[in-house]
Amino acid sequence: MAHLIFTQQLGRFMTVPQVETQAADLRSALDACFADHPRLRGYVLDEQGGLRENVVVFIDGQRARDPKRLDDALAPHSQVYILQALSGG
């Protein structure tokens, strides 16, 4: 099973889960997670369903290719890190 890990930057706003999924791609994995944790969706996805500008996803150490389509394939033991980029000065 692929493992989704939401880093603690999002923990400032809510409890962040670690989720195991059998989804074949990133979009399906996120949708399954949001079905159980609907508040999290608004922090990760924008109104069009793509990643928010300040959110980055890494799959097995590689940045997700398309932040709008989210169609990256997941392997059975993929590690998916969803993090909110820090900004400011």
C-alpha atoms as a PDB file:
ATOM      1  CA  MET A   1       0.000   0.000   0.000  1.00  0.00           C
ATOM      2  CA  ALA A   2       1.134   3.536  -0.746  1.00  0.00           C
ATOM      3  CA  HIS A   3       1.617   5.739   2.306  1.00  0.00           C
ATOM      4  CA  LEU A   4       0.500   9.405   2.350  1.00  0.00           C
ATOM      5  CA  ILE A   5       2.269  11.574   4.898  1.00  0.00           C
ATOM      6  CA  PHE A   6       1.099  15.120   5.573  1.00  0.00           C
ATOM      7  CA  THR A   7       3.955  17.055   7.124  1.00  0.00           C
ATOM      8  CA  GLN A   8       3.506  19.035  10.299  1.00  0.00           C
ATOM      9  CA  GLN A   9       3.293  22.466   8.639  1.00  0.00           C
ATOM     10  CA  LEU A  10      -0.373  21.609   8.059  1.00  0.00           C
ATOM     11  CA  GLY A  11      -0.575  20.528  11.704  1.00  0.00           C
ATOM     12  CA  ARG A  12      -0.882  24.177  12.705  1.00  0.00           C
ATOM     13  CA  PHE A  13      -4.424  24.092  11.322  1.00  0.00           C
ATOM     14  CA  MET A  14      -5.678  20.566  12.051  1.00  0.00           C
ATOM     15  CA  THR A  15      -4.693  17.050  12.938  1.00  0.00           C
ATOM     16  CA  VAL A  16      -2.795  15.653   9.979  1.00  0.00           C
ATOM     17  CA  PRO A  17      -3.292  11.983   9.161  1.00  0.00           C
ATOM     18  CA  GLN A  18      -0.967   9.364   7.795  1.00  0.00           C
ATOM     19  CA  VAL A  19      -2.984   7.364   5.294  1.00  0.00           C
ATOM     20  CA  GLU A  20      -2.414   4.046   3.578  1.00  0.00           C
ATOM     21  CA  THR A  21      -4.073   3.572   0.215  1.00  0.00           C
ATOM     22  CA  GLN A  22      -4.216   1.141  -2.658  1.00  0.00           C
ATOM     23  CA  ALA A  23      -4.876   3.972  -5.130  1.00  0.00           C
ATOM     24  CA  ALA A  24      -3.017   3.732  -8.422  1.00  0.00           C
ATOM     25  CA  ASP A  25      -2.396   7.472  -8.818  1.00  0.00           C
ATOM     26  CA  LEU A  26      -1.968  10.614  -6.756  1.00  0.00           C
ATOM     27  CA  ARG A  27      -5.408  12.102  -7.507  1.00  0.00           C
ATOM     28  CA  SER A  28      -7.195   8.914  -6.411  1.00  0.00           C
ATOM     29  CA  ALA A  29      -5.081   8.693  -3.257  1.00  0.00           C
ATOM     30  CA  LEU A  30      -5.849  12.281  -2.291  1.00  0.00           C
ATOM     31  CA  ASP A  31      -9.560  11.853  -3.039  1.00  0.00           C
ATOM     32  CA  ALA A  32      -9.701   8.780  -0.804  1.00  0.00           C
ATOM     33  CA  CYS A  33      -7.947  10.677   1.977  1.00  0.00           C
ATOM     34  CA  PHE A  34     -10.250  13.683   1.666  1.00  0.00           C
ATOM     35  CA  ALA A  35     -13.310  11.432   1.866  1.00  0.00           C
ATOM     36  CA  ASP A  36     -12.251  10.642   5.447  1.00  0.00           C
ATOM     37  CA  HIS A  37     -10.711  14.076   6.216  1.00  0.00           C
ATOM     38  CA  PRO A  38     -12.763  16.645   4.253  1.00  0.00           C
ATOM     39  CA  ARG A  39     -11.368  19.741   6.019  1.00  0.00           C
ATOM     40  CA  LEU A  40      -7.913  18.889   4.733  1.00  0.00           C
ATOM     41  CA  ARG A  41      -8.982  19.306   1.086  1.00  0.00           C
ATOM     42  CA  GLY A  42      -9.154  23.108   1.308  1.00  0.00           C
ATOM     43  CA  TYR A  43      -5.607  23.349   2.637  1.00  0.00           C
ATOM     44  CA  VAL A  44      -4.182  21.132  -0.119  1.00  0.00           C
ATOM     45  CA  LEU A  45      -6.285  21.772  -3.243  1.00  0.00           C
ATOM     46  CA  ASP A  46      -7.470  25.009  -4.820  1.00  0.00           C
ATOM     47  CA  GLU A  47     -10.976  25.673  -6.173  1.00  0.00           C
ATOM     48  CA  GLN A  48     -10.112  24.020  -9.508  1.00  0.00           C
ATOM     49  CA  GLY A  49      -8.878  20.829  -7.835  1.00  0.00           C
ATOM     50  CA  GLY A  50      -5.138  21.403  -8.367  1.00  0.00           C
ATOM     51  CA  LEU A  51      -2.516  21.806  -5.702  1.00  0.00           C
ATOM     52  CA  ARG A  52      -2.483  25.173  -3.990  1.00  0.00           C
ATOM     53  CA  GLU A  53       0.533  27.319  -4.880  1.00  0.00           C
ATOM     54  CA  ASN A  54       2.091  26.774  -1.464  1.00  0.00           C
ATOM     55  CA  VAL A  55       1.667  22.980  -1.432  1.00  0.00           C
ATOM     56  CA  VAL A  56       4.253  20.565  -2.797  1.00  0.00           C
ATOM     57  CA  VAL A  57       3.970  16.791  -3.187  1.00  0.00           C
ATOM     58  CA  PHE A  58       6.900  14.384  -3.382  1.00  0.00           C
ATOM     59  CA  ILE A  59       6.441  10.774  -4.446  1.00  0.00           C
ATOM     60  CA  ASP A  60       9.354   8.508  -3.600  1.00  0.00           C
ATOM     61  CA  GLY A  61      11.639  11.548  -3.435  1.00  0.00           C
ATOM     62  CA  GLN A  62      10.527  13.071  -6.752  1.00  0.00           C
ATOM     63  CA  ARG A  63       8.313  16.142  -7.033  1.00  0.00           C
ATOM     64  CA  ALA A  64       4.869  15.434  -8.525  1.00  0.00           C
ATOM     65  CA  ARG A  65       4.966  16.306 -12.232  1.00  0.00           C
ATOM     66  CA  ASP A  66       1.713  18.173 -12.786  1.00  0.00           C
ATOM     67  CA  PRO A  67       0.177  20.078  -9.851  1.00  0.00           C
ATOM     68  CA  LYS A  68      -3.140  20.414 -11.729  1.00  0.00           C
ATOM     69  CA  ARG A  69      -3.751  16.913 -13.105  1.00  0.00           C
ATOM     70  CA  LEU A  70      -2.161  15.006 -10.192  1.00  0.00           C
ATOM     71  CA  ASP A  71      -1.923  11.912 -12.355  1.00  0.00           C
ATOM     72  CA  ASP A  72       1.432  10.605 -11.121  1.00  0.00           C
ATOM     73  CA  ALA A  73       1.378   6.817 -10.749  1.00  0.00           C
ATOM     74  CA  LEU A  74       1.864   5.280  -7.312  1.00  0.00           C
ATOM     75  CA  ALA A  75       3.716   2.040  -6.723  1.00  0.00           C
ATOM     76  CA  PRO A  76       2.431  -0.376  -4.068  1.00  0.00           C
ATOM     77  CA  HIS A  77       4.976   0.876  -1.521  1.00  0.00           C
ATOM     78  CA  SER A  78       5.248   4.538  -2.553  1.00  0.00           C
ATOM     79  CA  GLN A  79       5.924   7.172   0.084  1.00  0.00           C
ATOM     80  CA  VAL A  80       3.961  10.343  -0.696  1.00  0.00           C
ATOM     81  CA  TYR A  81       4.827  13.502   1.251  1.00  0.00           C
ATOM     82  CA  ILE A  82       2.391  16.405   1.125  1.00  0.00           C
ATOM     83  CA  LEU A  83       3.844  19.585   2.536  1.00  0.00           C
ATOM     84  CA  GLN A  84       2.971  23.219   2.760  1.00  0.00           C
ATOM     85  CA  ALA A  85       5.908  25.324   1.640  1.00  0.00           C
ATOM     86  CA  LEU A  86       6.990  27.974   4.105  1.00  0.00           C
ATOM     87  CA  SER A  87       7.278  31.520   2.863  1.00  0.00           C
ATOM     88  CA  GLY A  88       7.878  34.953   4.228  1.00  0.00           C
ATOM     89  CA  GLY A  89      10.864  36.869   5.390  1.00  0.00           C
END
